[in-house]
Amino acid sequence: MSDHGSALRRRLAAARLYLVAPARLRAGGLADLVPALARAGVDIVQLRDRDISDAELRAELERVVAAAEEAGILTIVNDDPELARRVGADGVHLGQDDGRVEQARALLGP
């Protein structure tokens, strides 16, 4: 496993507060709240929003990933390993009907 993969596993193991949120919160997007969420102790943020277009989702995910990297927290994409790879997220959440873990790992790594 790469050093990056080992470091990511350690960060995941140490995480204590995992937030799952929609893209739009009040007037702004989730990315706008990431700095405050990190200060409040959130270790991982997952954007989960099935009510916006694919283009809107990708745009907000790109903003969330950038904000999370700057704030030092991890990002998880809901249901879509390919999208997680494209936006540079730290991982993907797979539900029972969202594909196989082996396929996601082949695409994203361990």
PDB file of N, CA and C in Angstrom:
ATOM      1  N   MET A   1       0.839  -1.169   0.000  1.00  0.00           N
ATOM      2  CA  MET A   1       0.000   0.000   0.000  1.00  0.00           C
ATOM      3  C   MET A   1       0.887   1.236   0.000  1.00  0.00           C
ATOM      4  N   SER A   2       0.499   2.269  -0.721  1.00  0.00           N
ATOM      5  CA  SER A   2       1.278   3.492  -0.806  1.00  0.00           C
ATOM      6  C   SER A   2       1.271   4.227   0.527  1.00  0.00           C
ATOM      7  N   ASP A   3       2.209   5.162   0.667  1.00  0.00           N
ATOM      8  CA  ASP A   3       2.235   5.995   1.873  1.00  0.00           C
ATOM      9  C   ASP A   3       0.940   6.788   2.012  1.00  0.00           C
ATOM     10  N   HIS A   4       0.435   7.276   0.856  1.00  0.00           N
ATOM     11  CA  HIS A   4      -0.827   8.018   0.881  1.00  0.00           C
ATOM     12  C   HIS A   4      -1.967   7.128   1.378  1.00  0.00           C
ATOM     13  N   GLY A   5      -2.028   5.891   0.879  1.00  0.00           N
ATOM     14  CA  GLY A   5      -3.065   4.958   1.308  1.00  0.00           C
ATOM     15  C   GLY A   5      -2.974   4.644   2.786  1.00  0.00           C
ATOM     16  N   SER A   6      -1.759   4.481   3.292  1.00  0.00           N
ATOM     17  CA  SER A   6      -1.565   4.214   4.725  1.00  0.00           C
ATOM     18  C   SER A   6      -1.979   5.413   5.559  1.00  0.00           C
ATOM     19  N   ALA A   7      -1.605   6.612   5.111  1.00  0.00           N
ATOM     20  CA  ALA A   7      -1.976   7.821   5.839  1.00  0.00           C
ATOM     21  C   ALA A   7      -3.490   8.008   5.852  1.00  0.00           C
ATOM     22  N   LEU A   8      -4.128   7.726   4.717  1.00  0.00           N
ATOM     23  CA  LEU A   8      -5.580   7.850   4.641  1.00  0.00           C
ATOM     24  C   LEU A   8      -6.255   6.859   5.582  1.00  0.00           C
ATOM     25  N   ARG A   9      -5.756   5.635   5.627  1.00  0.00           N
ATOM     26  CA  ARG A   9      -6.327   4.645   6.559  1.00  0.00           C
ATOM     27  C   ARG A   9      -6.196   5.100   8.009  1.00  0.00           C
ATOM     28  N   ARG A  10      -5.052   5.675   8.359  1.00  0.00           N
ATOM     29  CA  ARG A  10      -4.864   6.176   9.732  1.00  0.00           C
ATOM     30  C   ARG A  10      -5.838   7.309  10.039  1.00  0.00           C
ATOM     31  N   ARG A  11      -6.023   8.213   9.077  1.00  0.00           N
ATOM     32  CA  ARG A  11      -6.954   9.328   9.287  1.00  0.00           C
ATOM     33  C   ARG A  11      -8.384   8.821   9.423  1.00  0.00           C
ATOM     34  N   LEU A  12      -8.754   7.844   8.602  1.00  0.00           N
ATOM     35  CA  LEU A  12     -10.097   7.273   8.717  1.00  0.00           C
ATOM     36  C   LEU A  12     -10.296   6.591  10.064  1.00  0.00           C
ATOM     37  N   ALA A  13      -9.300   5.862  10.512  1.00  0.00           N
ATOM     38  CA  ALA A  13      -9.400   5.159  11.791  1.00  0.00           C
ATOM     39  C   ALA A  13      -9.504   6.136  12.960  1.00  0.00           C
ATOM     40  N   ALA A  14      -8.875   7.289  12.843  1.00  0.00           N
ATOM     41  CA  ALA A  14      -8.882   8.274  13.923  1.00  0.00           C
ATOM     42  C   ALA A  14     -10.107   9.184  13.892  1.00  0.00           C
ATOM     43  N   ALA A  15     -10.846   9.190  12.803  1.00  0.00           N
ATOM     44  CA  ALA A  15     -11.994  10.088  12.649  1.00  0.00           C
ATOM     45  C   ALA A  15     -13.081   9.756  13.668  1.00  0.00           C
ATOM     46  N   ARG A  16     -13.679  10.807  14.206  1.00  0.00           N
ATOM     47  CA  ARG A  16     -14.725  10.620  15.212  1.00  0.00           C
ATOM     48  C   ARG A  16     -16.062  11.248  14.828  1.00  0.00           C
ATOM     49  N   LEU A  17     -16.028  12.259  13.959  1.00  0.00           N
ATOM     50  CA  LEU A  17     -17.271  12.935  13.596  1.00  0.00           C
ATOM     51  C   LEU A  17     -17.394  12.983  12.075  1.00  0.00           C
ATOM     52  N   TYR A  18     -18.436  12.336  11.558  1.00  0.00           N
ATOM     53  CA  TYR A  18     -18.673  12.155  10.128  1.00  0.00           C
ATOM     54  C   TYR A  18     -19.998  12.831   9.806  1.00  0.00           C
ATOM     55  N   LEU A  19     -19.964  13.854   8.965  1.00  0.00           N
ATOM     56  CA  LEU A  19     -21.164  14.599   8.605  1.00  0.00           C
ATOM     57  C   LEU A  19     -21.629  14.205   7.211  1.00  0.00           C
ATOM     58  N   VAL A  20     -22.912  13.909   7.079  1.00  0.00           N
ATOM     59  CA  VAL A  20     -23.538  13.668   5.785  1.00  0.00           C
ATOM     60  C   VAL A  20     -24.515  14.814   5.573  1.00  0.00           C
ATOM     61  N   ALA A  21     -24.343  15.532   4.444  1.00  0.00           N
ATOM     62  CA  ALA A  21     -25.158  16.732   4.235  1.00  0.00           C
ATOM     63  C   ALA A  21     -25.506  16.905   2.763  1.00  0.00           C
ATOM     64  N   PRO A  22     -26.600  17.635   2.501  1.00  0.00           N
ATOM     65  CA  PRO A  22     -26.947  17.960   1.117  1.00  0.00           C
ATOM     66  C   PRO A  22     -26.048  19.087   0.596  1.00  0.00           C
ATOM     67  N   ALA A  23     -26.142  19.326  -0.699  1.00  0.00           N
ATOM     68  CA  ALA A  23     -25.318  20.364  -1.324  1.00  0.00           C
ATOM     69  C   ALA A  23     -25.723  21.764  -0.881  1.00  0.00           C
ATOM     70  N   ARG A  24     -26.998  22.001  -0.745  1.00  0.00           N
ATOM     71  CA  ARG A  24     -27.484  23.341  -0.423  1.00  0.00           C
ATOM     72  C   ARG A  24     -27.913  23.417   1.029  1.00  0.00           C
ATOM     73  N   LEU A  25     -27.258  24.273   1.756  1.00  0.00           N
ATOM     74  CA  LEU A  25     -27.593  24.510   3.159  1.00  0.00           C
ATOM     75  C   LEU A  25     -27.798  26.008   3.333  1.00  0.00           C
ATOM     76  N   ARG A  26     -28.986  26.386   3.667  1.00  0.00           N
ATOM     77  CA  ARG A  26     -29.345  27.805   3.759  1.00  0.00           C
ATOM     78  C   ARG A  26     -29.057  28.487   2.428  1.00  0.00           C
ATOM     79  N   ALA A  27     -28.401  29.629   2.458  1.00  0.00           N
ATOM     80  CA  ALA A  27     -28.185  30.405   1.233  1.00  0.00           C
ATOM     81  C   ALA A  27     -26.995  29.902   0.425  1.00  0.00           C
ATOM     82  N   GLY A  28     -26.019  29.271   1.073  1.00  0.00           N
ATOM     83  CA  GLY A  28     -24.810  28.852   0.374  1.00  0.00           C
ATOM     84  C   GLY A  28     -24.761  27.356   0.189  1.00  0.00           C
ATOM     85  N   GLY A  29     -23.643  26.913  -0.311  1.00  0.00           N
ATOM     86  CA  GLY A  29     -23.440  25.489  -0.499  1.00  0.00           C
ATOM     87  C   GLY A  29     -22.691  24.885   0.666  1.00  0.00           C
ATOM     88  N   LEU A  30     -22.593  23.585   0.666  1.00  0.00           N
ATOM     89  CA  LEU A  30     -21.883  22.864   1.715  1.00  0.00           C
ATOM     90  C   LEU A  30     -20.429  23.318   1.809  1.00  0.00           C
ATOM     91  N   ALA A  31     -19.806  23.576   0.664  1.00  0.00           N
ATOM     92  CA  ALA A  31     -18.398  23.987   0.666  1.00  0.00           C
ATOM     93  C   ALA A  31     -18.173  25.241   1.504  1.00  0.00           C
ATOM     94  N   ASP A  32     -19.144  26.136   1.517  1.00  0.00           N
ATOM     95  CA  ASP A  32     -19.018  27.377   2.289  1.00  0.00           C
ATOM     96  C   ASP A  32     -18.951  27.118   3.791  1.00  0.00           C
ATOM     97  N   LEU A  33     -19.488  25.995   4.230  1.00  0.00           N
ATOM     98  CA  LEU A  33     -19.515  25.666   5.662  1.00  0.00           C
ATOM     99  C   LEU A  33     -18.333  24.815   6.117  1.00  0.00           C
ATOM    100  N   VAL A  34     -17.556  24.288   5.179  1.00  0.00           N
ATOM    101  CA  VAL A  34     -16.491  23.353   5.528  1.00  0.00           C
ATOM    102  C   VAL A  34     -15.508  23.929   6.552  1.00  0.00           C
ATOM    103  N   PRO A  35     -15.021  25.160   6.413  1.00  0.00           N
ATOM    104  CA  PRO A  35     -14.088  25.667   7.434  1.00  0.00           C
ATOM    105  C   PRO A  35     -14.685  25.647   8.845  1.00  0.00           C
ATOM    106  N   ALA A  36     -15.927  26.071   8.972  1.00  0.00           N
ATOM    107  CA  ALA A  36     -16.578  26.066  10.290  1.00  0.00           C
ATOM    108  C   ALA A  36     -16.806  24.647  10.789  1.00  0.00           C
ATOM    109  N   LEU A  37     -17.149  23.745   9.886  1.00  0.00           N
ATOM    110  CA  LEU A  37     -17.340  22.348  10.280  1.00  0.00           C
ATOM    111  C   LEU A  37     -16.038  21.758  10.807  1.00  0.00           C
ATOM    112  N   ALA A  38     -14.937  22.056  10.143  1.00  0.00           N
ATOM    113  CA  ALA A  38     -13.635  21.555  10.600  1.00  0.00           C
ATOM    114  C   ALA A  38     -13.304  22.121  11.979  1.00  0.00           C
ATOM    115  N   ARG A  39     -13.554  23.405  12.180  1.00  0.00           N
ATOM    116  CA  ARG A  39     -13.292  24.009  13.494  1.00  0.00           C
ATOM    117  C   ARG A  39     -14.172  23.394  14.584  1.00  0.00           C
ATOM    118  N   ALA A  40     -15.364  22.930  14.204  1.00  0.00           N
ATOM    119  CA  ALA A  40     -16.292  22.320  15.157  1.00  0.00           C
ATOM    120  C   ALA A  40     -15.975  20.857  15.436  1.00  0.00           C
ATOM    121  N   GLY A  41     -14.973  20.313  14.727  1.00  0.00           N
ATOM    122  CA  GLY A  41     -14.558  18.951  15.007  1.00  0.00           C
ATOM    123  C   GLY A  41     -14.953  17.908  13.990  1.00  0.00           C
ATOM    124  N   VAL A  42     -15.569  18.306  12.879  1.00  0.00           N
ATOM    125  CA  VAL A  42     -15.917  17.341  11.843  1.00  0.00           C
ATOM    126  C   VAL A  42     -14.629  16.839  11.200  1.00  0.00           C
ATOM    127  N   ASP A  43     -14.494  15.527  11.095  1.00  0.00           N
ATOM    128  CA  ASP A  43     -13.314  14.902  10.499  1.00  0.00           C
ATOM    129  C   ASP A  43     -13.539  14.503   9.045  1.00  0.00           C
ATOM    130  N   ILE A  44     -14.793  14.167   8.714  1.00  0.00           N
ATOM    131  CA  ILE A  44     -15.146  13.685   7.380  1.00  0.00           C
ATOM    132  C   ILE A  44     -16.472  14.316   6.982  1.00  0.00           C
ATOM    133  N   VAL A  45     -16.551  14.773   5.735  1.00  0.00           N
ATOM    134  CA  VAL A  45     -17.808  15.303   5.217  1.00  0.00           C
ATOM    135  C   VAL A  45     -18.181  14.530   3.952  1.00  0.00           C
ATOM    136  N   GLN A  46     -19.442  14.125   3.899  1.00  0.00           N
ATOM    137  CA  GLN A  46     -19.976  13.418   2.742  1.00  0.00           C
ATOM    138  C   GLN A  46     -21.111  14.237   2.155  1.00  0.00           C
ATOM    139  N   LEU A  47     -20.985  14.586   0.885  1.00  0.00           N
ATOM    140  CA  LEU A  47     -22.065  15.273   0.197  1.00  0.00           C
ATOM    141  C   LEU A  47     -23.011  14.216  -0.347  1.00  0.00           C
ATOM    142  N   ARG A  48     -24.251  14.313   0.059  1.00  0.00           N
ATOM    143  CA  ARG A  48     -25.291  13.369  -0.393  1.00  0.00           C
ATOM    144  C   ARG A  48     -26.508  14.174  -0.776  1.00  0.00           C
ATOM    145  N   ASP A  49     -26.745  14.273  -2.078  1.00  0.00           N
ATOM    146  CA  ASP A  49     -27.866  15.084  -2.542  1.00  0.00           C
ATOM    147  C   ASP A  49     -28.388  14.504  -3.845  1.00  0.00           C
ATOM    148  N   ARG A  50     -29.554  13.915  -3.780  1.00  0.00           N
ATOM    149  CA  ARG A  50     -30.138  13.295  -4.975  1.00  0.00           C
ATOM    150  C   ARG A  50     -31.124  14.223  -5.676  1.00  0.00           C
ATOM    151  N   ASP A  51     -31.232  15.460  -5.197  1.00  0.00           N
ATOM    152  CA  ASP A  51     -32.210  16.395  -5.748  1.00  0.00           C
ATOM    153  C   ASP A  51     -31.591  17.468  -6.632  1.00  0.00           C
ATOM    154  N   ILE A  52     -30.322  17.314  -7.011  1.00  0.00           N
ATOM    155  CA  ILE A  52     -29.681  18.281  -7.897  1.00  0.00           C
ATOM    156  C   ILE A  52     -29.144  17.549  -9.126  1.00  0.00           C
ATOM    157  N   SER A  53     -28.863  18.306 -10.163  1.00  0.00           N
ATOM    158  CA  SER A  53     -28.370  17.700 -11.401  1.00  0.00           C
ATOM    159  C   SER A  53     -26.946  17.178 -11.208  1.00  0.00           C
ATOM    160  N   ASP A  54     -26.526  16.304 -12.119  1.00  0.00           N
ATOM    161  CA  ASP A  54     -25.164  15.781 -12.072  1.00  0.00           C
ATOM    162  C   ASP A  54     -24.135  16.910 -12.171  1.00  0.00           C
ATOM    163  N   ALA A  55     -24.407  17.890 -13.025  1.00  0.00           N
ATOM    164  CA  ALA A  55     -23.478  19.017 -13.187  1.00  0.00           C
ATOM    165  C   ALA A  55     -23.384  19.835 -11.900  1.00  0.00           C
ATOM    166  N   GLU A  56     -24.519  20.086 -11.252  1.00  0.00           N
ATOM    167  CA  GLU A  56     -24.506  20.828  -9.988  1.00  0.00           C
ATOM    168  C   GLU A  56     -23.776  20.036  -8.908  1.00  0.00           C
ATOM    169  N   LEU A  57     -24.014  18.735  -8.881  1.00  0.00           N
ATOM    170  CA  LEU A  57     -23.359  17.882  -7.893  1.00  0.00           C
ATOM    171  C   LEU A  57     -21.845  17.907  -8.070  1.00  0.00           C
ATOM    172  N   ARG A  58     -21.397  17.733  -9.295  1.00  0.00           N
ATOM    173  CA  ARG A  58     -19.953  17.736  -9.537  1.00  0.00           C
ATOM    174  C   ARG A  58     -19.335  19.082  -9.169  1.00  0.00           C
ATOM    175  N   ALA A  59     -19.978  20.172  -9.547  1.00  0.00           N
ATOM    176  CA  ALA A  59     -19.448  21.504  -9.230  1.00  0.00           C
ATOM    177  C   ALA A  59     -19.336  21.701  -7.719  1.00  0.00           C
ATOM    178  N   GLU A  60     -20.361  21.307  -6.981  1.00  0.00           N
ATOM    179  CA  GLU A  60     -20.304  21.483  -5.528  1.00  0.00           C
ATOM    180  C   GLU A  60     -19.292  20.532  -4.904  1.00  0.00           C
ATOM    181  N   LEU A  61     -19.201  19.321  -5.416  1.00  0.00           N
ATOM    182  CA  LEU A  61     -18.198  18.383  -4.907  1.00  0.00           C
ATOM    183  C   LEU A  61     -16.780  18.915  -5.104  1.00  0.00           C
ATOM    184  N   GLU A  62     -16.517  19.499  -6.254  1.00  0.00           N
ATOM    185  CA  GLU A  62     -15.194  20.078  -6.487  1.00  0.00           C
ATOM    186  C   GLU A  62     -14.894  21.157  -5.460  1.00  0.00           C
ATOM    187  N   ARG A  63     -15.886  21.970  -5.154  1.00  0.00           N
ATOM    188  CA  ARG A  63     -15.709  23.028  -4.130  1.00  0.00           C
ATOM    189  C   ARG A  63     -15.526  22.419  -2.736  1.00  0.00           C
ATOM    190  N   VAL A  64     -16.306  21.394  -2.421  1.00  0.00           N
ATOM    191  CA  VAL A  64     -16.199  20.742  -1.113  1.00  0.00           C
ATOM    192  C   VAL A  64     -14.827  20.103  -0.948  1.00  0.00           C
ATOM    193  N   VAL A  65     -14.354  19.395  -1.965  1.00  0.00           N
ATOM    194  CA  VAL A  65     -13.043  18.747  -1.888  1.00  0.00           C
ATOM    195  C   VAL A  65     -11.951  19.788  -1.659  1.00  0.00           C
ATOM    196  N   ALA A  66     -11.987  20.886  -2.408  1.00  0.00           N
ATOM    197  CA  ALA A  66     -10.970  21.930  -2.248  1.00  0.00           C
ATOM    198  C   ALA A  66     -11.025  22.539  -0.849  1.00  0.00           C
ATOM    199  N   ALA A  67     -12.227  22.832  -0.373  1.00  0.00           N
ATOM    200  CA  ALA A  67     -12.372  23.426   0.960  1.00  0.00           C
ATOM    201  C   ALA A  67     -11.942  22.452   2.050  1.00  0.00           C
ATOM    202  N   ALA A  68     -12.275  21.178   1.869  1.00  0.00           N
ATOM    203  CA  ALA A  68     -11.915  20.162   2.864  1.00  0.00           C
ATOM    204  C   ALA A  68     -10.407  19.959   2.917  1.00  0.00           C
ATOM    205  N   GLU A  69      -9.765  19.932   1.758  1.00  0.00           N
ATOM    206  CA  GLU A  69      -8.302  19.800   1.744  1.00  0.00           C
ATOM    207  C   GLU A  69      -7.657  20.953   2.494  1.00  0.00           C
ATOM    208  N   GLU A  70      -8.145  22.160   2.235  1.00  0.00           N
ATOM    209  CA  GLU A  70      -7.603  23.337   2.914  1.00  0.00           C
ATOM    210  C   GLU A  70      -7.852  23.288   4.421  1.00  0.00           C
ATOM    211  N   ALA A  71      -8.999  22.744   4.822  1.00  0.00           N
ATOM    212  CA  ALA A  71      -9.365  22.677   6.242  1.00  0.00           C
ATOM    213  C   ALA A  71      -8.783  21.451   6.940  1.00  0.00           C
ATOM    214  N   GLY A  72      -8.214  20.520   6.165  1.00  0.00           N
ATOM    215  CA  GLY A  72      -7.606  19.339   6.765  1.00  0.00           C
ATOM    216  C   GLY A  72      -8.570  18.234   7.125  1.00  0.00           C
ATOM    217  N   ILE A  73      -9.722  18.188   6.441  1.00  0.00           N
ATOM    218  CA  ILE A  73     -10.663  17.104   6.700  1.00  0.00           C
ATOM    219  C   ILE A  73     -10.846  16.279   5.424  1.00  0.00           C
ATOM    220  N   LEU A  74     -11.445  15.117   5.566  1.00  0.00           N
ATOM    221  CA  LEU A  74     -11.624  14.185   4.458  1.00  0.00           C
ATOM    222  C   LEU A  74     -12.981  14.391   3.789  1.00  0.00           C
ATOM    223  N   THR A  75     -13.063  14.003   2.508  1.00  0.00           N
ATOM    224  CA  THR A  75     -14.330  14.064   1.787  1.00  0.00           C
ATOM    225  C   THR A  75     -14.680  12.700   1.214  1.00  0.00           C
ATOM    226  N   ILE A  76     -15.957  12.401   1.286  1.00  0.00           N
ATOM    227  CA  ILE A  76     -16.502  11.152   0.758  1.00  0.00           C
ATOM    228  C   ILE A  76     -17.607  11.511  -0.228  1.00  0.00           C
ATOM    229  N   VAL A  77     -17.622  10.824  -1.352  1.00  0.00           N
ATOM    230  CA  VAL A  77     -18.657  11.013  -2.364  1.00  0.00           C
ATOM    231  C   VAL A  77     -19.690   9.907  -2.188  1.00  0.00           C
ATOM    232  N   ASN A  78     -20.936  10.253  -2.349  1.00  0.00           N
ATOM    233  CA  ASN A  78     -22.019   9.298  -2.217  1.00  0.00           C
ATOM    234  C   ASN A  78     -22.223   8.510  -3.507  1.00  0.00           C
ATOM    235  N   ASP A  79     -22.143   7.202  -3.433  1.00  0.00           N
ATOM    236  CA  ASP A  79     -22.601   6.270  -4.474  1.00  0.00           C
ATOM    237  C   ASP A  79     -21.779   6.162  -5.753  1.00  0.00           C
ATOM    238  N   ASP A  80     -20.847   7.030  -6.035  1.00  0.00           N
ATOM    239  CA  ASP A  80     -20.265   7.103  -7.381  1.00  0.00           C
ATOM    240  C   ASP A  80     -18.730   7.102  -7.345  1.00  0.00           C
ATOM    241  N   PRO A  81     -18.094   5.924  -7.435  1.00  0.00           N
ATOM    242  CA  PRO A  81     -16.632   5.860  -7.393  1.00  0.00           C
ATOM    243  C   PRO A  81     -15.953   6.652  -8.510  1.00  0.00           C
ATOM    244  N   GLU A  82     -16.532   6.658  -9.695  1.00  0.00           N
ATOM    245  CA  GLU A  82     -15.935   7.411 -10.804  1.00  0.00           C
ATOM    246  C   GLU A  82     -15.940   8.907 -10.508  1.00  0.00           C
ATOM    247  N   LEU A  83     -17.022   9.405  -9.973  1.00  0.00           N
ATOM    248  CA  LEU A  83     -17.089  10.816  -9.601  1.00  0.00           C
ATOM    249  C   LEU A  83     -16.089  11.126  -8.486  1.00  0.00           C
ATOM    250  N   ALA A  84     -15.971  10.231  -7.531  1.00  0.00           N
ATOM    251  CA  ALA A  84     -14.985  10.420  -6.450  1.00  0.00           C
ATOM    252  C   ALA A  84     -13.585  10.551  -7.029  1.00  0.00           C
ATOM    253  N   ARG A  85     -13.258   9.718  -7.997  1.00  0.00           N
ATOM    254  CA  ARG A  85     -11.941   9.782  -8.636  1.00  0.00           C
ATOM    255  C   ARG A  85     -11.761  11.099  -9.373  1.00  0.00           C
ATOM    256  N   ARG A  86     -12.785  11.508 -10.135  1.00  0.00           N
ATOM    257  CA  ARG A  86     -12.680  12.735 -10.938  1.00  0.00           C
ATOM    258  C   ARG A  86     -12.507  13.993 -10.095  1.00  0.00           C
ATOM    259  N   VAL A  87     -13.168  14.069  -8.943  1.00  0.00           N
ATOM    260  CA  VAL A  87     -13.079  15.286  -8.127  1.00  0.00           C
ATOM    261  C   VAL A  87     -11.962  15.217  -7.094  1.00  0.00           C
ATOM    262  N   GLY A  88     -11.298  14.058  -6.983  1.00  0.00           N
ATOM    263  CA  GLY A  88     -10.193  13.937  -6.039  1.00  0.00           C
ATOM    264  C   GLY A  88     -10.623  13.741  -4.600  1.00  0.00           C
ATOM    265  N   ALA A  89     -11.788  13.136  -4.400  1.00  0.00           N
ATOM    266  CA  ALA A  89     -12.275  12.873  -3.038  1.00  0.00           C
ATOM    267  C   ALA A  89     -11.421  11.792  -2.383  1.00  0.00           C
ATOM    268  N   ASP A  90     -11.535  11.695  -1.077  1.00  0.00           N
ATOM    269  CA  ASP A  90     -10.764  10.713  -0.317  1.00  0.00           C
ATOM    270  C   ASP A  90     -11.382   9.328  -0.349  1.00  0.00           C
ATOM    271  N   GLY A  91     -12.659   9.250  -0.691  1.00  0.00           N
ATOM    272  CA  GLY A  91     -13.312   7.947  -0.721  1.00  0.00           C
ATOM    273  C   GLY A  91     -14.723   8.052  -1.236  1.00  0.00           C
ATOM    274  N   VAL A  92     -15.399   6.917  -1.211  1.00  0.00           N
ATOM    275  CA  VAL A  92     -16.766   6.830  -1.702  1.00  0.00           C
ATOM    276  C   VAL A  92     -17.581   5.977  -0.735  1.00  0.00           C
ATOM    277  N   HIS A  93     -18.829   6.368  -0.527  1.00  0.00           N
ATOM    278  CA  HIS A  93     -19.766   5.560   0.243  1.00  0.00           C
ATOM    279  C   HIS A  93     -20.585   4.750  -0.745  1.00  0.00           C
ATOM    280  N   LEU A  94     -20.625   3.441  -0.560  1.00  0.00           N
ATOM    281  CA  LEU A  94     -21.416   2.576  -1.425  1.00  0.00           C
ATOM    282  C   LEU A  94     -22.546   1.944  -0.635  1.00  0.00           C
ATOM    283  N   GLY A  95     -23.761   2.191  -1.090  1.00  0.00           N
ATOM    284  CA  GLY A  95     -24.915   1.516  -0.509  1.00  0.00           C
ATOM    285  C   GLY A  95     -25.054   0.129  -1.110  1.00  0.00           C
ATOM    286  N   GLN A  96     -26.055  -0.590  -0.690  1.00  0.00           N
ATOM    287  CA  GLN A  96     -26.246  -1.966  -1.130  1.00  0.00           C
ATOM    288  C   GLN A  96     -26.430  -2.100  -2.631  1.00  0.00           C
ATOM    289  N   ASP A  97     -26.970  -1.076  -3.275  1.00  0.00           N
ATOM    290  CA  ASP A  97     -27.254  -1.149  -4.705  1.00  0.00           C
ATOM    291  C   ASP A  97     -26.341  -0.263  -5.550  1.00  0.00           C
ATOM    292  N   ASP A  98     -25.200   0.125  -5.010  1.00  0.00           N
ATOM    293  CA  ASP A  98     -24.337   1.110  -5.672  1.00  0.00           C
ATOM    294  C   ASP A  98     -23.081   0.525  -6.295  1.00  0.00           C
ATOM    295  N   GLY A  99     -23.045  -0.750  -6.494  1.00  0.00           N
ATOM    296  CA  GLY A  99     -21.863  -1.358  -7.095  1.00  0.00           C
ATOM    297  C   GLY A  99     -21.066  -2.141  -6.071  1.00  0.00           C
ATOM    298  N   ARG A 100     -20.031  -2.779  -6.572  1.00  0.00           N
ATOM    299  CA  ARG A 100     -19.242  -3.673  -5.728  1.00  0.00           C
ATOM    300  C   ARG A 100     -18.022  -2.956  -5.171  1.00  0.00           C
ATOM    301  N   VAL A 101     -17.681  -3.291  -3.944  1.00  0.00           N
ATOM    302  CA  VAL A 101     -16.513  -2.717  -3.283  1.00  0.00           C
ATOM    303  C   VAL A 101     -15.253  -3.003  -4.093  1.00  0.00           C
ATOM    304  N   GLU A 102     -15.144  -4.203  -4.622  1.00  0.00           N
ATOM    305  CA  GLU A 102     -13.954  -4.569  -5.401  1.00  0.00           C
ATOM    306  C   GLU A 102     -13.784  -3.666  -6.617  1.00  0.00           C
ATOM    307  N   GLN A 103     -14.882  -3.317  -7.264  1.00  0.00           N
ATOM    308  CA  GLN A 103     -14.811  -2.422  -8.422  1.00  0.00           C
ATOM    309  C   GLN A 103     -14.385  -1.022  -8.003  1.00  0.00           C
ATOM    310  N   ALA A 104     -14.916  -0.545  -6.883  1.00  0.00           N
ATOM    311  CA  ALA A 104     -14.530   0.780  -6.386  1.00  0.00           C
ATOM    312  C   ALA A 104     -13.054   0.793  -6.015  1.00  0.00           C
ATOM    313  N   ARG A 105     -12.592  -0.244  -5.356  1.00  0.00           N
ATOM    314  CA  ARG A 105     -11.165  -0.305  -4.982  1.00  0.00           C
ATOM    315  C   ARG A 105     -10.262  -0.395  -6.203  1.00  0.00           C
ATOM    316  N   ALA A 106     -10.703  -1.087  -7.236  1.00  0.00           N
ATOM    317  CA  ALA A 106      -9.921  -1.161  -8.465  1.00  0.00           C
ATOM    318  C   ALA A 106      -9.777   0.225  -9.085  1.00  0.00           C
ATOM    319  N   LEU A 107     -10.788   1.033  -8.971  1.00  0.00           N
ATOM    320  CA  LEU A 107     -10.774   2.382  -9.527  1.00  0.00           C
ATOM    321  C   LEU A 107     -10.051   3.378  -8.624  1.00  0.00           C
ATOM    322  N   LEU A 108     -10.278   3.278  -7.314  1.00  0.00           N
ATOM    323  CA  LEU A 108      -9.777   4.277  -6.375  1.00  0.00           C
ATOM    324  C   LEU A 108      -8.547   3.847  -5.590  1.00  0.00           C
ATOM    325  N   GLY A 109      -8.294   2.549  -5.536  1.00  0.00           N
ATOM    326  CA  GLY A 109      -7.208   2.035  -4.693  1.00  0.00           C
ATOM    327  C   GLY A 109      -7.753   1.554  -3.365  1.00  0.00           C
ATOM    328  N   PRO A 110      -6.874   1.025  -2.536  1.00  0.00           N
ATOM    329  CA  PRO A 110      -7.354   0.456  -1.255  1.00  0.00           C
ATOM    330  C   PRO A 110      -7.853   1.531  -0.333  1.00  0.00           C
TER     331      PRO A 110
END
